[in-house]
Amino acid sequence: NLWHLSHEGLDLEDPANEPKYDEILEMGVSPEKAPDAPTYVTLS
């Protein structure tokens, strides 16, 4: 929905498995793939 995206099942059913972030992410990127420069935001 507009708030989030959840992923369950398959390889994620085993807590020992690291999530395949680069394969499953849809709303953004992993921290490693994020820009090297910061983004500033101001919320009112």
ModelCIF file with pLDDT and N, C-alpha, C, O atoms, coordinates in Angstrom:
data_MODEL
#
_entry.id   MODEL 
#
_entity.id                         1 
_entity.type                       polymer 
_entity.pdbx_number_of_molecules   1 
#
_entity_poly.entity_id                      1 
_entity_poly.type                           'polypeptide(L)' 
_entity_poly.nstd_linkage                   no 
_entity_poly.nstd_monomer                   no 
_entity_poly.pdbx_seq_one_letter_code       NLWHLSHEGLDLEDPANEPKYDEILEMGVSPEKAPDAPTYVTLS 
_entity_poly.pdbx_seq_one_letter_code_can   NLWHLSHEGLDLEDPANEPKYDEILEMGVSPEKAPDAPTYVTLS 
_entity_poly.pdbx_strand_id                 A 
#
loop_
_entity_poly_seq.entity_id 
_entity_poly_seq.num 
_entity_poly_seq.mon_id 
_entity_poly_seq.hetero 
1 1  ASN n 
1 2  LEU n 
1 3  TRP n 
1 4  HIS n 
1 5  LEU n 
1 6  SER n 
1 7  HIS n 
1 8  GLU n 
1 9  GLY n 
1 10 LEU n 
1 11 ASP n 
1 12 LEU n 
1 13 GLU n 
1 14 ASP n 
1 15 PRO n 
1 16 ALA n 
1 17 ASN n 
1 18 GLU n 
1 19 PRO n 
1 20 LYS n 
1 21 TYR n 
1 22 ASP n 
1 23 GLU n 
1 24 ILE n 
1 25 LEU n 
1 26 GLU n 
1 27 MET n 
1 28 GLY n 
1 29 VAL n 
1 30 SER n 
1 31 PRO n 
1 32 GLU n 
1 33 LYS n 
1 34 ALA n 
1 35 PRO n 
1 36 ASP n 
1 37 ALA n 
1 38 PRO n 
1 39 THR n 
1 40 TYR n 
1 41 VAL n 
1 42 THR n 
1 43 LEU n 
1 44 SER n 
#
_struct_asym.id          A 
_struct_asym.entity_id   1 
#
loop_
_ma_qa_metric.id 
_ma_qa_metric.mode 
_ma_qa_metric.name 
_ma_qa_metric.software_group_id 
_ma_qa_metric.type 
1 global pLDDT . pLDDT 
2 local  pLDDT . pLDDT 
#
_ma_qa_metric_global.metric_id      1 
_ma_qa_metric_global.metric_value   96.86 
_ma_qa_metric_global.model_id       1 
_ma_qa_metric_global.ordinal_id     1 
#
loop_
_ma_qa_metric_local.label_asym_id 
_ma_qa_metric_local.label_comp_id 
_ma_qa_metric_local.label_seq_id 
_ma_qa_metric_local.metric_id 
_ma_qa_metric_local.metric_value 
_ma_qa_metric_local.model_id 
_ma_qa_metric_local.ordinal_id 
A ASN 1  2 97.00 1 1  
A LEU 2  2 97.00 1 2  
A TRP 3  2 98.00 1 3  
A HIS 4  2 98.00 1 4  
A LEU 5  2 98.00 1 5  
A SER 6  2 97.00 1 6  
A HIS 7  2 96.00 1 7  
A GLU 8  2 94.00 1 8  
A GLY 9  2 92.00 1 9  
A LEU 10 2 91.00 1 10 
A ASP 11 2 95.00 1 11 
A LEU 12 2 96.00 1 12 
A GLU 13 2 95.00 1 13 
A ASP 14 2 97.00 1 14 
A PRO 15 2 97.00 1 15 
A ALA 16 2 98.00 1 16 
A ASN 17 2 98.00 1 17 
A GLU 18 2 98.00 1 18 
A PRO 19 2 97.00 1 19 
A LYS 20 2 96.00 1 20 
A TYR 21 2 96.00 1 21 
A ASP 22 2 94.00 1 22 
A GLU 23 2 94.00 1 23 
A ILE 24 2 95.00 1 24 
A LEU 25 2 97.00 1 25 
A GLU 26 2 96.00 1 26 
A MET 27 2 98.00 1 27 
A GLY 28 2 98.00 1 28 
A VAL 29 2 98.00 1 29 
A SER 30 2 98.00 1 30 
A PRO 31 2 98.00 1 31 
A GLU 32 2 97.00 1 32 
A LYS 33 2 98.00 1 33 
A ALA 34 2 98.00 1 34 
A PRO 35 2 98.00 1 35 
A ASP 36 2 98.00 1 36 
A ALA 37 2 98.00 1 37 
A PRO 38 2 98.00 1 38 
A THR 39 2 98.00 1 39 
A TYR 40 2 98.00 1 40 
A VAL 41 2 98.00 1 41 
A THR 42 2 98.00 1 42 
A LEU 43 2 99.00 1 43 
A SER 44 2 99.00 1 44 
#
loop_
_atom_site.group_PDB 
_atom_site.id 
_atom_site.type_symbol 
_atom_site.label_atom_id 
_atom_site.label_alt_id 
_atom_site.label_comp_id 
_atom_site.label_asym_id 
_atom_site.label_entity_id 
_atom_site.label_seq_id 
_atom_site.pdbx_PDB_ins_code 
_atom_site.Cartn_x 
_atom_site.Cartn_y 
_atom_site.Cartn_z 
_atom_site.occupancy 
_atom_site.B_iso_or_equiv 
_atom_site.pdbx_formal_charge 
_atom_site.auth_seq_id 
_atom_site.auth_comp_id 
_atom_site.auth_asym_id 
_atom_site.auth_atom_id 
_atom_site.pdbx_PDB_model_num 
ATOM 1   N N  . ASN A 1 1  ? 0.856  -1.177  0.000  1.00 97.00 ? 1  ASN A N  1 
ATOM 2   C CA . ASN A 1 1  ? 0.000  0.000   0.000  1.00 97.00 ? 1  ASN A CA 1 
ATOM 3   C C  . ASN A 1 1  ? 0.897  1.232   0.000  1.00 97.00 ? 1  ASN A C  1 
ATOM 4   O O  . ASN A 1 1  ? 2.116  1.107   -0.118 1.00 97.00 ? 1  ASN A O  1 
ATOM 5   N N  . LEU A 1 2  ? 0.317  2.408   0.129  1.00 97.00 ? 2  LEU A N  1 
ATOM 6   C CA . LEU A 1 2  ? 1.144  3.611   0.027  1.00 97.00 ? 2  LEU A CA 1 
ATOM 7   C C  . LEU A 1 2  ? 2.075  3.790   1.221  1.00 97.00 ? 2  LEU A C  1 
ATOM 8   O O  . LEU A 1 2  ? 2.980  4.624   1.177  1.00 97.00 ? 2  LEU A O  1 
ATOM 9   N N  . TRP A 1 3  ? 1.869  3.023   2.282  1.00 98.00 ? 3  TRP A N  1 
ATOM 10  C CA . TRP A 1 3  ? 2.703  3.123   3.473  1.00 98.00 ? 3  TRP A CA 1 
ATOM 11  C C  . TRP A 1 3  ? 3.879  2.169   3.432  1.00 98.00 ? 3  TRP A C  1 
ATOM 12  O O  . TRP A 1 3  ? 4.973  2.512   3.880  1.00 98.00 ? 3  TRP A O  1 
ATOM 13  N N  . HIS A 1 4  ? 3.664  0.958   2.894  1.00 98.00 ? 4  HIS A N  1 
ATOM 14  C CA . HIS A 1 4  ? 4.738  -0.042  2.968  1.00 98.00 ? 4  HIS A CA 1 
ATOM 15  C C  . HIS A 1 4  ? 4.574  -1.134  1.927  1.00 98.00 ? 4  HIS A C  1 
ATOM 16  O O  . HIS A 1 4  ? 3.593  -1.181  1.184  1.00 98.00 ? 4  HIS A O  1 
ATOM 17  N N  . LEU A 1 5  ? 5.569  -2.009  1.901  1.00 98.00 ? 5  LEU A N  1 
ATOM 18  C CA . LEU A 1 5  ? 5.510  -3.255  1.138  1.00 98.00 ? 5  LEU A CA 1 
ATOM 19  C C  . LEU A 1 5  ? 6.131  -4.345  1.998  1.00 98.00 ? 5  LEU A C  1 
ATOM 20  O O  . LEU A 1 5  ? 7.254  -4.202  2.480  1.00 98.00 ? 5  LEU A O  1 
ATOM 21  N N  . SER A 1 6  ? 5.392  -5.437  2.186  1.00 97.00 ? 6  SER A N  1 
ATOM 22  C CA . SER A 1 6  ? 5.913  -6.562  2.969  1.00 97.00 ? 6  SER A CA 1 
ATOM 23  C C  . SER A 1 6  ? 6.250  -7.727  2.053  1.00 97.00 ? 6  SER A C  1 
ATOM 24  O O  . SER A 1 6  ? 5.630  -7.920  1.007  1.00 97.00 ? 6  SER A O  1 
ATOM 25  N N  . HIS A 1 7  ? 7.255  -8.505  2.474  1.00 96.00 ? 7  HIS A N  1 
ATOM 26  C CA . HIS A 1 7  ? 7.684  -9.701  1.738  1.00 96.00 ? 7  HIS A CA 1 
ATOM 27  C C  . HIS A 1 7  ? 7.751  -10.859 2.733  1.00 96.00 ? 7  HIS A C  1 
ATOM 28  O O  . HIS A 1 7  ? 8.390  -10.746 3.779  1.00 96.00 ? 7  HIS A O  1 
ATOM 29  N N  . GLU A 1 8  ? 7.090  -11.973 2.407  1.00 94.00 ? 8  GLU A N  1 
ATOM 30  C CA . GLU A 1 8  ? 7.148  -13.174 3.242  1.00 94.00 ? 8  GLU A CA 1 
ATOM 31  C C  . GLU A 1 8  ? 7.224  -14.406 2.351  1.00 94.00 ? 8  GLU A C  1 
ATOM 32  O O  . GLU A 1 8  ? 6.879  -14.359 1.171  1.00 94.00 ? 8  GLU A O  1 
ATOM 33  N N  . GLY A 1 9  ? 7.680  -15.507 2.934  1.00 92.00 ? 9  GLY A N  1 
ATOM 34  C CA . GLY A 1 9  ? 7.694  -16.779 2.219  1.00 92.00 ? 9  GLY A CA 1 
ATOM 35  C C  . GLY A 1 9  ? 9.016  -17.087 1.538  1.00 92.00 ? 9  GLY A C  1 
ATOM 36  O O  . GLY A 1 9  ? 9.993  -16.348 1.662  1.00 92.00 ? 9  GLY A O  1 
ATOM 37  N N  . LEU A 1 10 ? 9.017  -18.221 0.800  1.00 91.00 ? 10 LEU A N  1 
ATOM 38  C CA . LEU A 1 10 ? 10.194 -18.722 0.075  1.00 91.00 ? 10 LEU A CA 1 
ATOM 39  C C  . LEU A 1 10 ? 11.430 -18.742 0.972  1.00 91.00 ? 10 LEU A C  1 
ATOM 40  O O  . LEU A 1 10 ? 11.368 -19.276 2.079  1.00 91.00 ? 10 LEU A O  1 
ATOM 41  N N  . ASP A 1 11 ? 12.550 -18.174 0.525  1.00 95.00 ? 11 ASP A N  1 
ATOM 42  C CA . ASP A 1 11 ? 13.791 -18.232 1.293  1.00 95.00 ? 11 ASP A CA 1 
ATOM 43  C C  . ASP A 1 11 ? 13.709 -17.447 2.597  1.00 95.00 ? 11 ASP A C  1 
ATOM 44  O O  . ASP A 1 11 ? 14.505 -17.680 3.507  1.00 95.00 ? 11 ASP A O  1 
ATOM 45  N N  . LEU A 1 12 ? 12.753 -16.515 2.702  1.00 96.00 ? 12 LEU A N  1 
ATOM 46  C CA . LEU A 1 12 ? 12.634 -15.710 3.921  1.00 96.00 ? 12 LEU A CA 1 
ATOM 47  C C  . LEU A 1 12 ? 12.054 -16.520 5.086  1.00 96.00 ? 12 LEU A C  1 
ATOM 48  O O  . LEU A 1 12 ? 12.115 -16.077 6.233  1.00 96.00 ? 12 LEU A O  1 
ATOM 49  N N  . GLU A 1 13 ? 11.499 -17.691 4.806  1.00 95.00 ? 13 GLU A N  1 
ATOM 50  C CA . GLU A 1 13 ? 10.946 -18.501 5.886  1.00 95.00 ? 13 GLU A CA 1 
ATOM 51  C C  . GLU A 1 13 ? 12.028 -19.052 6.804  1.00 95.00 ? 13 GLU A C  1 
ATOM 52  O O  . GLU A 1 13 ? 11.738 -19.477 7.922  1.00 95.00 ? 13 GLU A O  1 
ATOM 53  N N  . ASP A 1 14 ? 13.262 -19.047 6.343  1.00 97.00 ? 14 ASP A N  1 
ATOM 54  C CA . ASP A 1 14 ? 14.388 -19.469 7.184  1.00 97.00 ? 14 ASP A CA 1 
ATOM 55  C C  . ASP A 1 14 ? 15.094 -18.212 7.703  1.00 97.00 ? 14 ASP A C  1 
ATOM 56  O O  . ASP A 1 14 ? 15.712 -17.497 6.914  1.00 97.00 ? 14 ASP A O  1 
ATOM 57  N N  . PRO A 1 15 ? 15.019 -17.925 9.002  1.00 97.00 ? 15 PRO A N  1 
ATOM 58  C CA . PRO A 1 15 ? 15.643 -16.707 9.538  1.00 97.00 ? 15 PRO A CA 1 
ATOM 59  C C  . PRO A 1 15 ? 17.156 -16.661 9.356  1.00 97.00 ? 15 PRO A C  1 
ATOM 60  O O  . PRO A 1 15 ? 17.766 -15.605 9.519  1.00 97.00 ? 15 PRO A O  1 
ATOM 61  N N  . ALA A 1 16 ? 17.764 -17.792 9.021  1.00 98.00 ? 16 ALA A N  1 
ATOM 62  C CA . ALA A 1 16 ? 19.212 -17.810 8.800  1.00 98.00 ? 16 ALA A CA 1 
ATOM 63  C C  . ALA A 1 16 ? 19.599 -17.187 7.466  1.00 98.00 ? 16 ALA A C  1 
ATOM 64  O O  . ALA A 1 16 ? 20.765 -16.858 7.250  1.00 98.00 ? 16 ALA A O  1 
ATOM 65  N N  . ASN A 1 17 ? 18.623 -17.021 6.564  1.00 98.00 ? 17 ASN A N  1 
ATOM 66  C CA . ASN A 1 17 ? 18.921 -16.501 5.230  1.00 98.00 ? 17 ASN A CA 1 
ATOM 67  C C  . ASN A 1 17 ? 18.885 -14.980 5.210  1.00 98.00 ? 17 ASN A C  1 
ATOM 68  O O  . ASN A 1 17 ? 17.916 -14.369 5.661  1.00 98.00 ? 17 ASN A O  1 
ATOM 69  N N  . GLU A 1 18 ? 19.925 -14.382 4.694  1.00 98.00 ? 18 GLU A N  1 
ATOM 70  C CA . GLU A 1 18 ? 19.916 -12.939 4.484  1.00 98.00 ? 18 GLU A CA 1 
ATOM 71  C C  . GLU A 1 18 ? 18.970 -12.609 3.333  1.00 98.00 ? 18 GLU A C  1 
ATOM 72  O O  . GLU A 1 18 ? 19.009 -13.277 2.300  1.00 98.00 ? 18 GLU A O  1 
ATOM 73  N N  . PRO A 1 19 ? 18.123 -11.594 3.490  1.00 97.00 ? 19 PRO A N  1 
ATOM 74  C CA . PRO A 1 19 ? 17.227 -11.229 2.393  1.00 97.00 ? 19 PRO A CA 1 
ATOM 75  C C  . PRO A 1 19 ? 18.004 -10.812 1.143  1.00 97.00 ? 19 PRO A C  1 
ATOM 76  O O  . PRO A 1 19 ? 19.054 -10.175 1.233  1.00 97.00 ? 19 PRO A O  1 
ATOM 77  N N  . LYS A 1 20 ? 17.474 -11.178 -0.014 1.00 96.00 ? 20 LYS A N  1 
ATOM 78  C CA . LYS A 1 20 ? 18.087 -10.794 -1.285 1.00 96.00 ? 20 LYS A CA 1 
ATOM 79  C C  . LYS A 1 20 ? 17.556 -9.417  -1.682 1.00 96.00 ? 20 LYS A C  1 
ATOM 80  O O  . LYS A 1 20 ? 16.746 -9.280  -2.598 1.00 96.00 ? 20 LYS A O  1 
ATOM 81  N N  . TYR A 1 21 ? 18.039 -8.404  -0.962 1.00 96.00 ? 21 TYR A N  1 
ATOM 82  C CA . TYR A 1 21 ? 17.472 -7.068  -1.104 1.00 96.00 ? 21 TYR A CA 1 
ATOM 83  C C  . TYR A 1 21 ? 17.496 -6.572  -2.546 1.00 96.00 ? 21 TYR A C  1 
ATOM 84  O O  . TYR A 1 21 ? 16.521 -5.984  -3.015 1.00 96.00 ? 21 TYR A O  1 
ATOM 85  N N  . ASP A 1 22 ? 18.577 -6.798  -3.238 1.00 94.00 ? 22 ASP A N  1 
ATOM 86  C CA . ASP A 1 22 ? 18.685 -6.278  -4.600 1.00 94.00 ? 22 ASP A CA 1 
ATOM 87  C C  . ASP A 1 22 ? 17.691 -6.934  -5.553 1.00 94.00 ? 22 ASP A C  1 
ATOM 88  O O  . ASP A 1 22 ? 17.422 -6.411  -6.635 1.00 94.00 ? 22 ASP A O  1 
ATOM 89  N N  . GLU A 1 23 ? 17.145 -8.083  -5.149 1.00 94.00 ? 23 GLU A N  1 
ATOM 90  C CA . GLU A 1 23 ? 16.166 -8.774  -5.990 1.00 94.00 ? 23 GLU A CA 1 
ATOM 91  C C  . GLU A 1 23 ? 14.732 -8.443  -5.598 1.00 94.00 ? 23 GLU A C  1 
ATOM 92  O O  . GLU A 1 23 ? 13.852 -8.422  -6.459 1.00 94.00 ? 23 GLU A O  1 
ATOM 93  N N  . ILE A 1 24 ? 14.477 -8.183  -4.316 1.00 95.00 ? 24 ILE A N  1 
ATOM 94  C CA . ILE A 1 24 ? 13.085 -8.061  -3.873 1.00 95.00 ? 24 ILE A CA 1 
ATOM 95  C C  . ILE A 1 24 ? 12.613 -6.629  -3.669 1.00 95.00 ? 24 ILE A C  1 
ATOM 96  O O  . ILE A 1 24 ? 11.408 -6.379  -3.711 1.00 95.00 ? 24 ILE A O  1 
ATOM 97  N N  . LEU A 1 25 ? 13.518 -5.682  -3.450 1.00 97.00 ? 25 LEU A N  1 
ATOM 98  C CA . LEU A 1 25 ? 13.081 -4.325  -3.114 1.00 97.00 ? 25 LEU A CA 1 
ATOM 99  C C  . LEU A 1 25 ? 12.362 -3.665  -4.288 1.00 97.00 ? 25 LEU A C  1 
ATOM 100 O O  . LEU A 1 25 ? 12.786 -3.768  -5.439 1.00 97.00 ? 25 LEU A O  1 
ATOM 101 N N  . GLU A 1 26 ? 11.260 -2.984  -3.963 1.00 96.00 ? 26 GLU A N  1 
ATOM 102 C CA . GLU A 1 26 ? 10.475 -2.287  -4.979 1.00 96.00 ? 26 GLU A CA 1 
ATOM 103 C C  . GLU A 1 26 ? 10.296 -0.800  -4.667 1.00 96.00 ? 26 GLU A C  1 
ATOM 104 O O  . GLU A 1 26 ? 10.130 0.008   -5.580 1.00 96.00 ? 26 GLU A O  1 
ATOM 105 N N  . MET A 1 27 ? 10.330 -0.438  -3.388 1.00 98.00 ? 27 MET A N  1 
ATOM 106 C CA . MET A 1 27 ? 10.094 0.958   -3.012 1.00 98.00 ? 27 MET A CA 1 
ATOM 107 C C  . MET A 1 27 ? 11.383 1.767   -2.891 1.00 98.00 ? 27 MET A C  1 
ATOM 108 O O  . MET A 1 27 ? 11.341 2.985   -2.713 1.00 98.00 ? 27 MET A O  1 
ATOM 109 N N  . GLY A 1 28 ? 12.514 1.097   -2.986 1.00 98.00 ? 28 GLY A N  1 
ATOM 110 C CA . GLY A 1 28 ? 13.775 1.810   -2.865 1.00 98.00 ? 28 GLY A CA 1 
ATOM 111 C C  . GLY A 1 28 ? 14.946 0.896   -3.107 1.00 98.00 ? 28 GLY A C  1 
ATOM 112 O O  . GLY A 1 28 ? 14.815 -0.154  -3.736 1.00 98.00 ? 28 GLY A O  1 
ATOM 113 N N  . VAL A 1 29 ? 16.093 1.302   -2.601 1.00 98.00 ? 29 VAL A N  1 
ATOM 114 C CA . VAL A 1 29 ? 17.333 0.540   -2.785 1.00 98.00 ? 29 VAL A CA 1 
ATOM 115 C C  . VAL A 1 29 ? 17.898 0.164   -1.423 1.00 98.00 ? 29 VAL A C  1 
ATOM 116 O O  . VAL A 1 29 ? 17.489 0.705   -0.396 1.00 98.00 ? 29 VAL A O  1 
ATOM 117 N N  . SER A 1 30 ? 18.836 -0.762  -1.430 1.00 98.00 ? 30 SER A N  1 
ATOM 118 C CA . SER A 1 30 ? 19.535 -1.102  -0.202 1.00 98.00 ? 30 SER A CA 1 
ATOM 119 C C  . SER A 1 30 ? 20.469 0.048   0.170  1.00 98.00 ? 30 SER A C  1 
ATOM 120 O O  . SER A 1 30 ? 20.843 0.836   -0.699 1.00 98.00 ? 30 SER A O  1 
ATOM 121 N N  . PRO A 1 31 ? 20.853 0.162   1.441  1.00 98.00 ? 31 PRO A N  1 
ATOM 122 C CA . PRO A 1 31 ? 21.777 1.244   1.829  1.00 98.00 ? 31 PRO A CA 1 
ATOM 123 C C  . PRO A 1 31 ? 23.061 1.258   1.011  1.00 98.00 ? 31 PRO A C  1 
ATOM 124 O O  . PRO A 1 31 ? 23.608 2.323   0.723  1.00 98.00 ? 31 PRO A O  1 
ATOM 125 N N  . GLU A 1 32 ? 23.541 0.075   0.638  1.00 97.00 ? 32 GLU A N  1 
ATOM 126 C CA . GLU A 1 32 ? 24.780 0.010   -0.146 1.00 97.00 ? 32 GLU A CA 1 
ATOM 127 C C  . GLU A 1 32 ? 24.626 0.666   -1.517 1.00 97.00 ? 32 GLU A C  1 
ATOM 128 O O  . GLU A 1 32 ? 25.587 1.204   -2.068 1.00 97.00 ? 32 GLU A O  1 
ATOM 129 N N  . LYS A 1 33 ? 23.407 0.616   -2.064 1.00 98.00 ? 33 LYS A N  1 
ATOM 130 C CA . LYS A 1 33 ? 23.167 1.175   -3.396 1.00 98.00 ? 33 LYS A CA 1 
ATOM 131 C C  . LYS A 1 33 ? 22.714 2.640   -3.341 1.00 98.00 ? 33 LYS A C  1 
ATOM 132 O O  . LYS A 1 33 ? 22.499 3.261   -4.382 1.00 98.00 ? 33 LYS A O  1 
ATOM 133 N N  . ALA A 1 34 ? 22.571 3.189   -2.137 1.00 98.00 ? 34 ALA A N  1 
ATOM 134 C CA . ALA A 1 34 ? 22.116 4.574   -1.987 1.00 98.00 ? 34 ALA A CA 1 
ATOM 135 C C  . ALA A 1 34 ? 23.222 5.548   -2.386 1.00 98.00 ? 34 ALA A C  1 
ATOM 136 O O  . ALA A 1 34 ? 24.397 5.179   -2.390 1.00 98.00 ? 34 ALA A O  1 
ATOM 137 N N  . PRO A 1 35 ? 22.861 6.790   -2.721 1.00 98.00 ? 35 PRO A N  1 
ATOM 138 C CA . PRO A 1 35 ? 23.868 7.776   -3.139 1.00 98.00 ? 35 PRO A CA 1 
ATOM 139 C C  . PRO A 1 35 ? 24.908 8.043   -2.056 1.00 98.00 ? 35 PRO A C  1 
ATOM 140 O O  . PRO A 1 35 ? 24.656 7.839   -0.868 1.00 98.00 ? 35 PRO A O  1 
ATOM 141 N N  . ASP A 1 36 ? 26.076 8.502   -2.486 1.00 98.00 ? 36 ASP A N  1 
ATOM 142 C CA . ASP A 1 36 ? 27.150 8.827   -1.555 1.00 98.00 ? 36 ASP A CA 1 
ATOM 143 C C  . ASP A 1 36 ? 26.961 10.206  -0.919 1.00 98.00 ? 36 ASP A C  1 
ATOM 144 O O  . ASP A 1 36 ? 27.668 10.549  0.028  1.00 98.00 ? 36 ASP A O  1 
ATOM 145 N N  . ALA A 1 37 ? 26.025 10.991  -1.424 1.00 98.00 ? 37 ALA A N  1 
ATOM 146 C CA . ALA A 1 37 ? 25.747 12.322  -0.865 1.00 98.00 ? 37 ALA A CA 1 
ATOM 147 C C  . ALA A 1 37 ? 24.425 12.284  -0.101 1.00 98.00 ? 37 ALA A C  1 
ATOM 148 O O  . ALA A 1 37 ? 23.493 11.604  -0.529 1.00 98.00 ? 37 ALA A O  1 
ATOM 149 N N  . PRO A 1 38 ? 24.324 13.004  1.027  1.00 98.00 ? 38 PRO A N  1 
ATOM 150 C CA . PRO A 1 38 ? 23.088 12.991  1.821  1.00 98.00 ? 38 PRO A CA 1 
ATOM 151 C C  . PRO A 1 38 ? 21.973 13.806  1.174  1.00 98.00 ? 38 PRO A C  1 
ATOM 152 O O  . PRO A 1 38 ? 22.222 14.671  0.334  1.00 98.00 ? 38 PRO A O  1 
ATOM 153 N N  . THR A 1 39 ? 20.743 13.515  1.580  1.00 98.00 ? 39 THR A N  1 
ATOM 154 C CA . THR A 1 39 ? 19.572 14.294  1.186  1.00 98.00 ? 39 THR A CA 1 
ATOM 155 C C  . THR A 1 39 ? 18.957 14.895  2.449  1.00 98.00 ? 39 THR A C  1 
ATOM 156 O O  . THR A 1 39 ? 18.733 14.187  3.431  1.00 98.00 ? 39 THR A O  1 
ATOM 157 N N  . TYR A 1 40 ? 18.686 16.192  2.423  1.00 98.00 ? 40 TYR A N  1 
ATOM 158 C CA . TYR A 1 40 ? 18.064 16.865  3.564  1.00 98.00 ? 40 TYR A CA 1 
ATOM 159 C C  . TYR A 1 40 ? 16.568 17.034  3.314  1.00 98.00 ? 40 TYR A C  1 
ATOM 160 O O  . TYR A 1 40 ? 16.146 17.382  2.211  1.00 98.00 ? 40 TYR A O  1 
ATOM 161 N N  . VAL A 1 41 ? 15.777 16.783  4.352  1.00 98.00 ? 41 VAL A N  1 
ATOM 162 C CA . VAL A 1 41 ? 14.336 17.014  4.276  1.00 98.00 ? 41 VAL A CA 1 
ATOM 163 C C  . VAL A 1 41 ? 13.896 17.794  5.506  1.00 98.00 ? 41 VAL A C  1 
ATOM 164 O O  . VAL A 1 41 ? 14.449 17.625  6.593  1.00 98.00 ? 41 VAL A O  1 
ATOM 165 N N  . THR A 1 42 ? 12.890 18.657  5.323  1.00 98.00 ? 42 THR A N  1 
ATOM 166 C CA . THR A 1 42 ? 12.300 19.394  6.440  1.00 98.00 ? 42 THR A CA 1 
ATOM 167 C C  . THR A 1 42 ? 10.808 19.102  6.473  1.00 98.00 ? 42 THR A C  1 
ATOM 168 O O  . THR A 1 42 ? 10.100 19.328  5.492  1.00 98.00 ? 42 THR A O  1 
ATOM 169 N N  . LEU A 1 43 ? 10.339 18.601  7.605  1.00 99.00 ? 43 LEU A N  1 
ATOM 170 C CA . LEU A 1 43 ? 8.922  18.279  7.789  1.00 99.00 ? 43 LEU A CA 1 
ATOM 171 C C  . LEU A 1 43 ? 8.288  19.271  8.756  1.00 99.00 ? 43 LEU A C  1 
ATOM 172 O O  . LEU A 1 43 ? 8.853  19.593  9.802  1.00 99.00 ? 43 LEU A O  1 
ATOM 173 N N  . SER A 1 44 ? 7.104  19.748  8.386  1.00 99.00 ? 44 SER A N  1 
ATOM 174 C CA . SER A 1 44 ? 6.350  20.665  9.242  1.00 99.00 ? 44 SER A CA 1 
ATOM 175 C C  . SER A 1 44 ? 5.146  19.939  9.817  1.00 99.00 ? 44 SER A C  1 
ATOM 176 O O  . SER A 1 44 ? 4.371  20.529  10.569 1.00 99.00 ? 44 SER A O  1 
#
